[in-house]
Amino acid sequence: MSPRRRALASLAGLAMMPALLAACQKKLEAAQFVGQWKSSRLALTPMHLLPNGEWEIRTPEGKVLQYGLWQLDGQRLVWTFRDDNGDLARDVNAVVSVDARRFVLLERDGSQTTFDRQD
């Protein structure tokens, strides 16, 4: 094979890497995310991800500060909530990593949010 063909073959292989990595990742299950979590973005209030697809941010006294719906869509978490104007809004975040005690999401601005299990 000529050097040019070898280089083109290498480029084609690199182009396929994201699809191959996605195929190798362990399939995520919604049940992995159900529970009470401390977010790196919320100093004091835990987030509750309920098995029925609802989420809540509650004070220790039980007062609901914010709520909405969540769902797992492949390797992404999709959040639905009412924004400050009362309109429905969606926030879609790629799941960077997940284990029994922690998961990490990629935010739209490129930052990451870490959630540590509290239950």
PDB file of N, CA and C in Angstrom:
ATOM      1  N   MET A   1       0.857  -1.175   0.000  1.00  0.00           N
ATOM      2  CA  MET A   1       0.000   0.000   0.000  1.00  0.00           C
ATOM      3  C   MET A   1       0.897   1.230   0.000  1.00  0.00           C
ATOM      4  N   SER A   2       0.512   2.200  -0.824  1.00  0.00           N
ATOM      5  CA  SER A   2       1.304   3.423  -0.926  1.00  0.00           C
ATOM      6  C   SER A   2       1.163   4.244   0.357  1.00  0.00           C
ATOM      7  N   PRO A   3       2.141   5.115   0.627  1.00  0.00           N
ATOM      8  CA  PRO A   3       2.049   5.970   1.816  1.00  0.00           C
ATOM      9  C   PRO A   3       0.778   6.826   1.823  1.00  0.00           C
ATOM     10  N   ARG A   4       0.373   7.286   0.638  1.00  0.00           N
ATOM     11  CA  ARG A   4      -0.844   8.116   0.573  1.00  0.00           C
ATOM     12  C   ARG A   4      -2.075   7.291   0.943  1.00  0.00           C
ATOM     13  N   ARG A   5      -2.186   6.078   0.415  1.00  0.00           N
ATOM     14  CA  ARG A   5      -3.333   5.215   0.744  1.00  0.00           C
ATOM     15  C   ARG A   5      -3.319   4.851   2.225  1.00  0.00           C
ATOM     16  N   ARG A   6      -2.140   4.609   2.767  1.00  0.00           N
ATOM     17  CA  ARG A   6      -2.012   4.272   4.191  1.00  0.00           C
ATOM     18  C   ARG A   6      -2.490   5.454   5.053  1.00  0.00           C
ATOM     19  N   ALA A   7      -2.131   6.680   4.654  1.00  0.00           N
ATOM     20  CA  ALA A   7      -2.557   7.871   5.387  1.00  0.00           C
ATOM     21  C   ALA A   7      -4.073   8.043   5.302  1.00  0.00           C
ATOM     22  N   LEU A   8      -4.648   7.816   4.118  1.00  0.00           N
ATOM     23  CA  LEU A   8      -6.106   7.919   3.972  1.00  0.00           C
ATOM     24  C   LEU A   8      -6.815   6.859   4.805  1.00  0.00           C
ATOM     25  N   ALA A   9      -6.273   5.665   4.836  1.00  0.00           N
ATOM     26  CA  ALA A   9      -6.870   4.600   5.646  1.00  0.00           C
ATOM     27  C   ALA A   9      -6.812   4.965   7.128  1.00  0.00           C
ATOM     28  N   SER A  10      -5.714   5.565   7.553  1.00  0.00           N
ATOM     29  CA  SER A  10      -5.591   5.996   8.950  1.00  0.00           C
ATOM     30  C   SER A  10      -6.622   7.063   9.281  1.00  0.00           C
ATOM     31  N   LEU A  11      -6.803   8.021   8.377  1.00  0.00           N
ATOM     32  CA  LEU A  11      -7.804   9.066   8.595  1.00  0.00           C
ATOM     33  C   LEU A  11      -9.212   8.485   8.664  1.00  0.00           C
ATOM     34  N   ALA A  12      -9.502   7.516   7.815  1.00  0.00           N
ATOM     35  CA  ALA A  12     -10.821   6.881   7.835  1.00  0.00           C
ATOM     36  C   ALA A  12     -11.028   6.157   9.163  1.00  0.00           C
ATOM     37  N   GLY A  13      -9.981   5.519   9.663  1.00  0.00           N
ATOM     38  CA  GLY A  13     -10.063   4.845  10.959  1.00  0.00           C
ATOM     39  C   GLY A  13     -10.307   5.823  12.088  1.00  0.00           C
ATOM     40  N   LEU A  14      -9.635   6.972  12.047  1.00  0.00           N
ATOM     41  CA  LEU A  14      -9.847   7.997  13.080  1.00  0.00           C
ATOM     42  C   LEU A  14     -11.261   8.544  13.038  1.00  0.00           C
ATOM     43  N   ALA A  15     -11.808   8.699  11.845  1.00  0.00           N
ATOM     44  CA  ALA A  15     -13.169   9.223  11.713  1.00  0.00           C
ATOM     45  C   ALA A  15     -14.192   8.278  12.335  1.00  0.00           C
ATOM     46  N   MET A  16     -13.885   6.986  12.367  1.00  0.00           N
ATOM     47  CA  MET A  16     -14.806   6.001  12.921  1.00  0.00           C
ATOM     48  C   MET A  16     -14.666   5.845  14.434  1.00  0.00           C
ATOM     49  N   MET A  17     -13.634   6.426  15.038  1.00  0.00           N
ATOM     50  CA  MET A  17     -13.374   6.230  16.470  1.00  0.00           C
ATOM     51  C   MET A  17     -14.547   6.613  17.374  1.00  0.00           C
ATOM     52  N   PRO A  18     -15.206   7.777  17.189  1.00  0.00           N
ATOM     53  CA  PRO A  18     -16.324   8.102  18.090  1.00  0.00           C
ATOM     54  C   PRO A  18     -17.425   7.047  18.056  1.00  0.00           C
ATOM     55  N   ALA A  19     -17.749   6.541  16.874  1.00  0.00           N
ATOM     56  CA  ALA A  19     -18.793   5.512  16.777  1.00  0.00           C
ATOM     57  C   ALA A  19     -18.340   4.226  17.463  1.00  0.00           C
ATOM     58  N   LEU A  20     -17.082   3.870  17.296  1.00  0.00           N
ATOM     59  CA  LEU A  20     -16.568   2.664  17.940  1.00  0.00           C
ATOM     60  C   LEU A  20     -16.547   2.798  19.454  1.00  0.00           C
ATOM     61  N   LEU A  21     -16.129   3.961  19.952  1.00  0.00           N
ATOM     62  CA  LEU A  21     -16.120   4.181  21.401  1.00  0.00           C
ATOM     63  C   LEU A  21     -17.527   4.122  21.977  1.00  0.00           C
ATOM     64  N   ALA A  22     -18.491   4.721  21.285  1.00  0.00           N
ATOM     65  CA  ALA A  22     -19.876   4.689  21.756  1.00  0.00           C
ATOM     66  C   ALA A  22     -20.384   3.259  21.796  1.00  0.00           C
ATOM     67  N   ALA A  23     -20.014   2.461  20.809  1.00  0.00           N
ATOM     68  CA  ALA A  23     -20.467   1.071  20.770  1.00  0.00           C
ATOM     69  C   ALA A  23     -19.849   0.253  21.901  1.00  0.00           C
ATOM     70  N   CYS A  24     -18.658   0.630  22.353  1.00  0.00           N
ATOM     71  CA  CYS A  24     -17.971  -0.109  23.410  1.00  0.00           C
ATOM     72  C   CYS A  24     -18.426   0.300  24.810  1.00  0.00           C
ATOM     73  N   GLN A  25     -19.048   1.472  24.945  1.00  0.00           N
ATOM     74  CA  GLN A  25     -19.454   1.935  26.262  1.00  0.00           C
ATOM     75  C   GLN A  25     -20.577   1.055  26.801  1.00  0.00           C
ATOM     76  N   LYS A  26     -20.548   0.842  28.089  1.00  0.00           N
ATOM     77  CA  LYS A  26     -21.588   0.074  28.743  1.00  0.00           C
ATOM     78  C   LYS A  26     -22.909   0.828  28.619  1.00  0.00           C
ATOM     79  N   LYS A  27     -23.975   0.104  28.301  1.00  0.00           N
ATOM     80  CA  LYS A  27     -25.288   0.725  28.159  1.00  0.00           C
ATOM     81  C   LYS A  27     -25.739   1.264  29.510  1.00  0.00           C
ATOM     82  N   LEU A  28     -26.122   2.521  29.516  1.00  0.00           N
ATOM     83  CA  LEU A  28     -26.599   3.146  30.741  1.00  0.00           C
ATOM     84  C   LEU A  28     -28.048   2.770  30.980  1.00  0.00           C
ATOM     85  N   GLU A  29     -28.414   2.680  32.254  1.00  0.00           N
ATOM     86  CA  GLU A  29     -29.789   2.385  32.653  1.00  0.00           C
ATOM     87  C   GLU A  29     -30.291   3.523  33.526  1.00  0.00           C
ATOM     88  N   ALA A  30     -31.543   3.915  33.353  1.00  0.00           N
ATOM     89  CA  ALA A  30     -32.118   5.006  34.141  1.00  0.00           C
ATOM     90  C   ALA A  30     -32.013   4.720  35.634  1.00  0.00           C
ATOM     91  N   ALA A  31     -32.143   3.469  36.034  1.00  0.00           N
ATOM     92  CA  ALA A  31     -32.089   3.107  37.459  1.00  0.00           C
ATOM     93  C   ALA A  31     -30.767   3.519  38.109  1.00  0.00           C
ATOM     94  N   GLN A  32     -29.690   3.637  37.325  1.00  0.00           N
ATOM     95  CA  GLN A  32     -28.394   4.049  37.867  1.00  0.00           C
ATOM     96  C   GLN A  32     -28.432   5.474  38.415  1.00  0.00           C
ATOM     97  N   PHE A  33     -29.389   6.279  37.948  1.00  0.00           N
ATOM     98  CA  PHE A  33     -29.431   7.691  38.296  1.00  0.00           C
ATOM     99  C   PHE A  33     -30.478   8.006  39.361  1.00  0.00           C
ATOM    100  N   VAL A  34     -31.339   7.055  39.668  1.00  0.00           N
ATOM    101  CA  VAL A  34     -32.384   7.281  40.666  1.00  0.00           C
ATOM    102  C   VAL A  34     -31.743   7.399  42.042  1.00  0.00           C
ATOM    103  N   GLY A  35     -32.142   8.431  42.794  1.00  0.00           N
ATOM    104  CA  GLY A  35     -31.627   8.603  44.147  1.00  0.00           C
ATOM    105  C   GLY A  35     -31.469  10.063  44.510  1.00  0.00           C
ATOM    106  N   GLN A  36     -30.811  10.285  45.624  1.00  0.00           N
ATOM    107  CA  GLN A  36     -30.545  11.637  46.117  1.00  0.00           C
ATOM    108  C   GLN A  36     -29.087  11.963  45.838  1.00  0.00           C
ATOM    109  N   TRP A  37     -28.836  13.131  45.213  1.00  0.00           N
ATOM    110  CA  TRP A  37     -27.504  13.499  44.753  1.00  0.00           C
ATOM    111  C   TRP A  37     -27.133  14.895  45.211  1.00  0.00           C
ATOM    112  N   LYS A  38     -25.862  15.079  45.509  1.00  0.00           N
ATOM    113  CA  LYS A  38     -25.282  16.398  45.790  1.00  0.00           C
ATOM    114  C   LYS A  38     -24.565  16.831  44.530  1.00  0.00           C
ATOM    115  N   SER A  39     -24.980  17.958  43.994  1.00  0.00           N
ATOM    116  CA  SER A  39     -24.401  18.480  42.767  1.00  0.00           C
ATOM    117  C   SER A  39     -23.263  19.444  43.090  1.00  0.00           C
ATOM    118  N   SER A  40     -22.231  19.443  42.265  1.00  0.00           N
ATOM    119  CA  SER A  40     -21.136  20.397  42.439  1.00  0.00           C
ATOM    120  C   SER A  40     -21.605  21.830  42.160  1.00  0.00           C
ATOM    121  N   ARG A  41     -22.781  22.010  41.608  1.00  0.00           N
ATOM    122  CA  ARG A  41     -23.324  23.347  41.316  1.00  0.00           C
ATOM    123  C   ARG A  41     -24.284  23.828  42.396  1.00  0.00           C
ATOM    124  N   LEU A  42     -24.748  22.926  43.255  1.00  0.00           N
ATOM    125  CA  LEU A  42     -25.669  23.302  44.334  1.00  0.00           C
ATOM    126  C   LEU A  42     -24.962  23.068  45.655  1.00  0.00           C
ATOM    127  N   ALA A  43     -24.703  24.126  46.375  1.00  0.00           N
ATOM    128  CA  ALA A  43     -23.902  24.019  47.599  1.00  0.00           C
ATOM    129  C   ALA A  43     -24.582  23.204  48.695  1.00  0.00           C
ATOM    130  N   LEU A  44     -25.845  23.460  48.952  1.00  0.00           N
ATOM    131  CA  LEU A  44     -26.475  22.847  50.118  1.00  0.00           C
ATOM    132  C   LEU A  44     -27.642  21.918  49.819  1.00  0.00           C
ATOM    133  N   THR A  45     -28.334  22.140  48.720  1.00  0.00           N
ATOM    134  CA  THR A  45     -29.575  21.417  48.493  1.00  0.00           C
ATOM    135  C   THR A  45     -29.386  20.214  47.589  1.00  0.00           C
ATOM    136  N   PRO A  46     -29.826  19.042  48.044  1.00  0.00           N
ATOM    137  CA  PRO A  46     -29.685  17.845  47.211  1.00  0.00           C
ATOM    138  C   PRO A  46     -30.721  17.806  46.085  1.00  0.00           C
ATOM    139  N   MET A  47     -30.385  17.080  45.057  1.00  0.00           N
ATOM    140  CA  MET A  47     -31.306  16.836  43.945  1.00  0.00           C
ATOM    141  C   MET A  47     -31.809  15.406  44.076  1.00  0.00           C
ATOM    142  N   HIS A  48     -33.103  15.235  43.919  1.00  0.00           N
ATOM    143  CA  HIS A  48     -33.730  13.913  44.000  1.00  0.00           C
ATOM    144  C   HIS A  48     -34.172  13.518  42.598  1.00  0.00           C
ATOM    145  N   LEU A  49     -33.634  12.424  42.095  1.00  0.00           N
ATOM    146  CA  LEU A  49     -34.068  11.870  40.813  1.00  0.00           C
ATOM    147  C   LEU A  49     -34.963  10.681  41.141  1.00  0.00           C
ATOM    148  N   LEU A  50     -36.233  10.814  40.821  1.00  0.00           N
ATOM    149  CA  LEU A  50     -37.220   9.805  41.184  1.00  0.00           C
ATOM    150  C   LEU A  50     -37.390   8.782  40.062  1.00  0.00           C
ATOM    151  N   PRO A  51     -37.777   7.540  40.421  1.00  0.00           N
ATOM    152  CA  PRO A  51     -37.895   6.486  39.405  1.00  0.00           C
ATOM    153  C   PRO A  51     -39.003   6.744  38.375  1.00  0.00           C
ATOM    154  N   ASN A  52     -39.962   7.628  38.689  1.00  0.00           N
ATOM    155  CA  ASN A  52     -41.035   7.910  37.741  1.00  0.00           C
ATOM    156  C   ASN A  52     -40.651   8.989  36.721  1.00  0.00           C
ATOM    157  N   GLY A  53     -39.386   9.445  36.731  1.00  0.00           N
ATOM    158  CA  GLY A  53     -38.917  10.433  35.764  1.00  0.00           C
ATOM    159  C   GLY A  53     -39.033  11.871  36.223  1.00  0.00           C
ATOM    160  N   GLU A  54     -39.415  12.081  37.475  1.00  0.00           N
ATOM    161  CA  GLU A  54     -39.459  13.436  38.014  1.00  0.00           C
ATOM    162  C   GLU A  54     -38.160  13.726  38.762  1.00  0.00           C
ATOM    163  N   TRP A  55     -37.801  15.006  38.848  1.00  0.00           N
ATOM    164  CA  TRP A  55     -36.663  15.421  39.680  1.00  0.00           C
ATOM    165  C   TRP A  55     -37.104  16.611  40.516  1.00  0.00           C
ATOM    166  N   GLU A  56     -36.496  16.730  41.682  1.00  0.00           N
ATOM    167  CA  GLU A  56     -36.788  17.824  42.603  1.00  0.00           C
ATOM    168  C   GLU A  56     -35.511  18.272  43.292  1.00  0.00           C
ATOM    169  N   ILE A  57     -35.455  19.554  43.557  1.00  0.00           N
ATOM    170  CA  ILE A  57     -34.431  20.097  44.440  1.00  0.00           C
ATOM    171  C   ILE A  57     -35.197  20.555  45.669  1.00  0.00           C
ATOM    172  N   ARG A  58     -34.901  19.901  46.812  1.00  0.00           N
ATOM    173  CA  ARG A  58     -35.634  20.164  48.049  1.00  0.00           C
ATOM    174  C   ARG A  58     -34.697  20.602  49.146  1.00  0.00           C
ATOM    175  N   THR A  59     -35.217  21.477  50.020  1.00  0.00           N
ATOM    176  CA  THR A  59     -34.470  21.866  51.214  1.00  0.00           C
ATOM    177  C   THR A  59     -34.484  20.697  52.193  1.00  0.00           C
ATOM    178  N   PRO A  60     -33.608  20.698  53.209  1.00  0.00           N
ATOM    179  CA  PRO A  60     -33.646  19.641  54.225  1.00  0.00           C
ATOM    180  C   PRO A  60     -35.010  19.543  54.928  1.00  0.00           C
ATOM    181  N   GLU A  61     -35.753  20.646  54.942  1.00  0.00           N
ATOM    182  CA  GLU A  61     -37.082  20.647  55.566  1.00  0.00           C
ATOM    183  C   GLU A  61     -38.156  20.096  54.627  1.00  0.00           C
ATOM    184  N   GLY A  62     -37.781  19.804  53.382  1.00  0.00           N
ATOM    185  CA  GLY A  62     -38.728  19.221  52.436  1.00  0.00           C
ATOM    186  C   GLY A  62     -39.383  20.200  51.480  1.00  0.00           C
ATOM    187  N   LYS A  63     -39.044  21.474  51.556  1.00  0.00           N
ATOM    188  CA  LYS A  63     -39.619  22.470  50.647  1.00  0.00           C
ATOM    189  C   LYS A  63     -39.010  22.291  49.252  1.00  0.00           C
ATOM    190  N   VAL A  64     -39.890  22.170  48.246  1.00  0.00           N
ATOM    191  CA  VAL A  64     -39.424  21.996  46.871  1.00  0.00           C
ATOM    192  C   VAL A  64     -39.054  23.363  46.289  1.00  0.00           C
ATOM    193  N   LEU A  65     -37.804  23.498  45.855  1.00  0.00           N
ATOM    194  CA  LEU A  65     -37.312  24.746  45.280  1.00  0.00           C
ATOM    195  C   LEU A  65     -37.436  24.757  43.757  1.00  0.00           C
ATOM    196  N   GLN A  66     -37.229  23.607  43.146  1.00  0.00           N
ATOM    197  CA  GLN A  66     -37.309  23.484  41.691  1.00  0.00           C
ATOM    198  C   GLN A  66     -37.633  22.028  41.372  1.00  0.00           C
ATOM    199  N   TYR A  67     -38.325  21.814  40.262  1.00  0.00           N
ATOM    200  CA  TYR A  67     -38.682  20.449  39.889  1.00  0.00           C
ATOM    201  C   TYR A  67     -38.879  20.372  38.377  1.00  0.00           C
ATOM    202  N   GLY A  68     -38.970  19.156  37.879  1.00  0.00           N
ATOM    203  CA  GLY A  68     -39.186  18.937  36.458  1.00  0.00           C
ATOM    204  C   GLY A  68     -39.162  17.454  36.154  1.00  0.00           C
ATOM    205  N   LEU A  69     -38.868  17.136  34.917  1.00  0.00           N
ATOM    206  CA  LEU A  69     -38.782  15.755  34.461  1.00  0.00           C
ATOM    207  C   LEU A  69     -37.367  15.477  33.974  1.00  0.00           C
ATOM    208  N   TRP A  70     -36.945  14.224  34.099  1.00  0.00           N
ATOM    209  CA  TRP A  70     -35.653  13.809  33.582  1.00  0.00           C
ATOM    210  C   TRP A  70     -35.835  12.502  32.834  1.00  0.00           C
ATOM    211  N   GLN A  71     -34.964  12.261  31.859  1.00  0.00           N
ATOM    212  CA  GLN A  71     -34.964  10.979  31.162  1.00  0.00           C
ATOM    213  C   GLN A  71     -33.574  10.711  30.610  1.00  0.00           C
ATOM    214  N   LEU A  72     -33.267   9.452  30.507  1.00  0.00           N
ATOM    215  CA  LEU A  72     -32.006   9.027  29.915  1.00  0.00           C
ATOM    216  C   LEU A  72     -32.266   8.762  28.435  1.00  0.00           C
ATOM    217  N   ASP A  73     -31.468   9.376  27.581  1.00  0.00           N
ATOM    218  CA  ASP A  73     -31.587   9.202  26.136  1.00  0.00           C
ATOM    219  C   ASP A  73     -30.228   8.746  25.617  1.00  0.00           C
ATOM    220  N   GLY A  74     -30.023   7.445  25.601  1.00  0.00           N
ATOM    221  CA  GLY A  74     -28.725   6.903  25.194  1.00  0.00           C
ATOM    222  C   GLY A  74     -27.657   7.253  26.209  1.00  0.00           C
ATOM    223  N   GLN A  75     -26.702   8.082  25.813  1.00  0.00           N
ATOM    224  CA  GLN A  75     -25.610   8.518  26.679  1.00  0.00           C
ATOM    225  C   GLN A  75     -25.817   9.956  27.151  1.00  0.00           C
ATOM    226  N   ARG A  76     -27.085  10.403  27.171  1.00  0.00           N
ATOM    227  CA  ARG A  76     -27.386  11.783  27.571  1.00  0.00           C
ATOM    228  C   ARG A  76     -28.514  11.808  28.592  1.00  0.00           C
ATOM    229  N   LEU A  77     -28.449  12.761  29.516  1.00  0.00           N
ATOM    230  CA  LEU A  77     -29.563  13.037  30.414  1.00  0.00           C
ATOM    231  C   LEU A  77     -30.282  14.271  29.879  1.00  0.00           C
ATOM    232  N   VAL A  78     -31.602  14.174  29.791  1.00  0.00           N
ATOM    233  CA  VAL A  78     -32.430  15.262  29.296  1.00  0.00           C
ATOM    234  C   VAL A  78     -33.290  15.760  30.459  1.00  0.00           C
ATOM    235  N   TRP A  79     -33.158  17.035  30.768  1.00  0.00           N
ATOM    236  CA  TRP A  79     -33.899  17.671  31.856  1.00  0.00           C
ATOM    237  C   TRP A  79     -34.966  18.570  31.240  1.00  0.00           C
ATOM    238  N   THR A  80     -36.191  18.496  31.754  1.00  0.00           N
ATOM    239  CA  THR A  80     -37.266  19.387  31.322  1.00  0.00           C
ATOM    240  C   THR A  80     -37.769  20.122  32.554  1.00  0.00           C
ATOM    241  N   PHE A  81     -37.948  21.438  32.422  1.00  0.00           N
ATOM    242  CA  PHE A  81     -38.343  22.262  33.565  1.00  0.00           C
ATOM    243  C   PHE A  81     -38.976  23.550  33.050  1.00  0.00           C
ATOM    244  N   ARG A  82     -39.587  24.297  33.935  1.00  0.00           N
ATOM    245  CA  ARG A  82     -40.112  25.627  33.590  1.00  0.00           C
ATOM    246  C   ARG A  82     -39.021  26.651  33.865  1.00  0.00           C
ATOM    247  N   ASP A  83     -38.766  27.507  32.877  1.00  0.00           N
ATOM    248  CA  ASP A  83     -37.748  28.544  33.070  1.00  0.00           C
ATOM    249  C   ASP A  83     -38.342  29.729  33.822  1.00  0.00           C
ATOM    250  N   ASP A  84     -37.556  30.780  33.986  1.00  0.00           N
ATOM    251  CA  ASP A  84     -37.985  31.954  34.743  1.00  0.00           C
ATOM    252  C   ASP A  84     -39.205  32.646  34.139  1.00  0.00           C
ATOM    253  N   ASN A  85     -39.442  32.440  32.839  1.00  0.00           N
ATOM    254  CA  ASN A  85     -40.594  33.040  32.166  1.00  0.00           C
ATOM    255  C   ASN A  85     -41.827  32.137  32.220  1.00  0.00           C
ATOM    256  N   GLY A  86     -41.680  30.955  32.806  1.00  0.00           N
ATOM    257  CA  GLY A  86     -42.789  30.012  32.864  1.00  0.00           C
ATOM    258  C   GLY A  86     -42.899  29.111  31.651  1.00  0.00           C
ATOM    259  N   ASP A  87     -41.954  29.239  30.722  1.00  0.00           N
ATOM    260  CA  ASP A  87     -41.954  28.402  29.527  1.00  0.00           C
ATOM    261  C   ASP A  87     -41.238  27.089  29.809  1.00  0.00           C
ATOM    262  N   LEU A  88     -41.628  26.033  29.091  1.00  0.00           N
ATOM    263  CA  LEU A  88     -40.923  24.769  29.223  1.00  0.00           C
ATOM    264  C   LEU A  88     -39.556  24.878  28.562  1.00  0.00           C
ATOM    265  N   ALA A  89     -38.549  24.396  29.236  1.00  0.00           N
ATOM    266  CA  ALA A  89     -37.180  24.424  28.709  1.00  0.00           C
ATOM    267  C   ALA A  89     -36.588  23.016  28.830  1.00  0.00           C
ATOM    268  N   ARG A  90     -35.627  22.726  27.967  1.00  0.00           N
ATOM    269  CA  ARG A  90     -34.910  21.445  28.003  1.00  0.00           C
ATOM    270  C   ARG A  90     -33.423  21.710  28.097  1.00  0.00           C
ATOM    271  N   ASP A  91     -32.760  20.880  28.862  1.00  0.00           N
ATOM    272  CA  ASP A  91     -31.309  20.931  28.964  1.00  0.00           C
ATOM    273  C   ASP A  91     -30.818  19.515  28.718  1.00  0.00           C
ATOM    274  N   VAL A  92     -29.959  19.349  27.730  1.00  0.00           N
ATOM    275  CA  VAL A  92     -29.459  18.032  27.356  1.00  0.00           C
ATOM    276  C   VAL A  92     -27.971  17.988  27.684  1.00  0.00           C
ATOM    277  N   ASN A  93     -27.570  16.982  28.493  1.00  0.00           N
ATOM    278  CA  ASN A  93     -26.176  16.866  28.925  1.00  0.00           C
ATOM    279  C   ASN A  93     -25.648  15.472  28.643  1.00  0.00           C
ATOM    280  N   ALA A  94     -24.482  15.397  28.022  1.00  0.00           N
ATOM    281  CA  ALA A  94     -23.826  14.110  27.801  1.00  0.00           C
ATOM    282  C   ALA A  94     -23.337  13.561  29.140  1.00  0.00           C
ATOM    283  N   VAL A  95     -23.458  12.254  29.312  1.00  0.00           N
ATOM    284  CA  VAL A  95     -22.940  11.585  30.506  1.00  0.00           C
ATOM    285  C   VAL A  95     -21.469  11.282  30.250  1.00  0.00           C
ATOM    286  N   VAL A  96     -20.591  11.896  31.035  1.00  0.00           N
ATOM    287  CA  VAL A  96     -19.154  11.711  30.884  1.00  0.00           C
ATOM    288  C   VAL A  96     -18.724  10.410  31.554  1.00  0.00           C
ATOM    289  N   SER A  97     -19.217  10.187  32.772  1.00  0.00           N
ATOM    290  CA  SER A  97     -18.888   8.958  33.499  1.00  0.00           C
ATOM    291  C   SER A  97     -19.988   8.687  34.514  1.00  0.00           C
ATOM    292  N   VAL A  98     -20.096   7.430  34.907  1.00  0.00           N
ATOM    293  CA  VAL A  98     -21.077   7.047  35.912  1.00  0.00           C
ATOM    294  C   VAL A  98     -20.594   5.793  36.630  1.00  0.00           C
ATOM    295  N   ASP A  99     -20.767   5.784  37.953  1.00  0.00           N
ATOM    296  CA  ASP A  99     -20.565   4.566  38.740  1.00  0.00           C
ATOM    297  C   ASP A  99     -21.602   4.583  39.853  1.00  0.00           C
ATOM    298  N   ALA A 100     -21.522   3.684  40.791  1.00  0.00           N
ATOM    299  CA  ALA A 100     -22.553   3.543  41.817  1.00  0.00           C
ATOM    300  C   ALA A 100     -22.680   4.780  42.712  1.00  0.00           C
ATOM    301  N   ARG A 101     -21.610   5.539  42.909  1.00  0.00           N
ATOM    302  CA  ARG A 101     -21.622   6.655  43.859  1.00  0.00           C
ATOM    303  C   ARG A 101     -21.507   8.039  43.221  1.00  0.00           C
ATOM    304  N   ARG A 102     -21.278   8.095  41.912  1.00  0.00           N
ATOM    305  CA  ARG A 102     -21.034   9.396  41.274  1.00  0.00           C
ATOM    306  C   ARG A 102     -21.352   9.327  39.785  1.00  0.00           C
ATOM    307  N   PHE A 103     -21.848  10.455  39.260  1.00  0.00           N
ATOM    308  CA  PHE A 103     -21.895  10.597  37.807  1.00  0.00           C
ATOM    309  C   PHE A 103     -21.497  12.023  37.452  1.00  0.00           C
ATOM    310  N   VAL A 104     -20.989  12.180  36.235  1.00  0.00           N
ATOM    311  CA  VAL A 104     -20.486  13.465  35.764  1.00  0.00           C
ATOM    312  C   VAL A 104     -21.164  13.771  34.427  1.00  0.00           C
ATOM    313  N   LEU A 105     -21.666  15.010  34.300  1.00  0.00           N
ATOM    314  CA  LEU A 105     -22.324  15.458  33.078  1.00  0.00           C
ATOM    315  C   LEU A 105     -21.532  16.579  32.422  1.00  0.00           C
ATOM    316  N   LEU A 106     -21.587  16.627  31.103  1.00  0.00           N
ATOM    317  CA  LEU A 106     -20.972  17.703  30.327  1.00  0.00           C
ATOM    318  C   LEU A 106     -22.044  18.755  30.058  1.00  0.00           C
ATOM    319  N   GLU A 107     -21.786  19.978  30.490  1.00  0.00           N
ATOM    320  CA  GLU A 107     -22.732  21.078  30.314  1.00  0.00           C
ATOM    321  C   GLU A 107     -22.556  21.716  28.935  1.00  0.00           C
ATOM    322  N   ARG A 108     -23.533  22.506  28.525  1.00  0.00           N
ATOM    323  CA  ARG A 108     -23.487  23.167  27.209  1.00  0.00           C
ATOM    324  C   ARG A 108     -22.272  24.065  27.053  1.00  0.00           C
ATOM    325  N   ASP A 109     -21.825  24.678  28.153  1.00  0.00           N
ATOM    326  CA  ASP A 109     -20.683  25.591  28.080  1.00  0.00           C
ATOM    327  C   ASP A 109     -19.334  24.874  28.131  1.00  0.00           C
ATOM    328  N   GLY A 110     -19.366  23.538  28.149  1.00  0.00           N
ATOM    329  CA  GLY A 110     -18.136  22.749  28.167  1.00  0.00           C
ATOM    330  C   GLY A 110     -17.657  22.376  29.559  1.00  0.00           C
ATOM    331  N   SER A 111     -18.260  22.959  30.589  1.00  0.00           N
ATOM    332  CA  SER A 111     -17.880  22.600  31.957  1.00  0.00           C
ATOM    333  C   SER A 111     -18.514  21.255  32.340  1.00  0.00           C
ATOM    334  N   GLN A 112     -18.085  20.721  33.456  1.00  0.00           N
ATOM    335  CA  GLN A 112     -18.629  19.455  33.935  1.00  0.00           C
ATOM    336  C   GLN A 112     -19.268  19.662  35.301  1.00  0.00           C
ATOM    337  N   THR A 113     -20.368  18.943  35.525  1.00  0.00           N
ATOM    338  CA  THR A 113     -21.033  18.943  36.818  1.00  0.00           C
ATOM    339  C   THR A 113     -20.959  17.534  37.387  1.00  0.00           C
ATOM    340  N   THR A 114     -20.522  17.446  38.644  1.00  0.00           N
ATOM    341  CA  THR A 114     -20.388  16.162  39.329  1.00  0.00           C
ATOM    342  C   THR A 114     -21.537  15.990  40.310  1.00  0.00           C
ATOM    343  N   PHE A 115     -22.115  14.800  40.327  1.00  0.00           N
ATOM    344  CA  PHE A 115     -23.193  14.452  41.247  1.00  0.00           C
ATOM    345  C   PHE A 115     -22.708  13.293  42.122  1.00  0.00           C
ATOM    346  N   ASP A 116     -22.694  13.505  43.426  1.00  0.00           N
ATOM    347  CA  ASP A 116     -22.292  12.466  44.377  1.00  0.00           C
ATOM    348  C   ASP A 116     -23.519  11.946  45.109  1.00  0.00           C
ATOM    349  N   ARG A 117     -23.642  10.626  45.173  1.00  0.00           N
ATOM    350  CA  ARG A 117     -24.798   9.986  45.797  1.00  0.00           C
ATOM    351  C   ARG A 117     -24.846  10.329  47.288  1.00  0.00           C
ATOM    352  N   GLN A 118     -26.062  10.662  47.766  1.00  0.00           N
ATOM    353  CA  GLN A 118     -26.280  11.021  49.164  1.00  0.00           C
ATOM    354  C   GLN A 118     -27.115   9.997  49.908  1.00  0.00           C
ATOM    355  N   ASP A 119     -27.641   8.994  49.208  1.00  0.00           N
ATOM    356  CA  ASP A 119     -28.471   7.986  49.892  1.00  0.00           C
ATOM    357  C   ASP A 119     -27.801   6.632  49.888  1.00  0.00           C
TER     358      ASP A 119
END
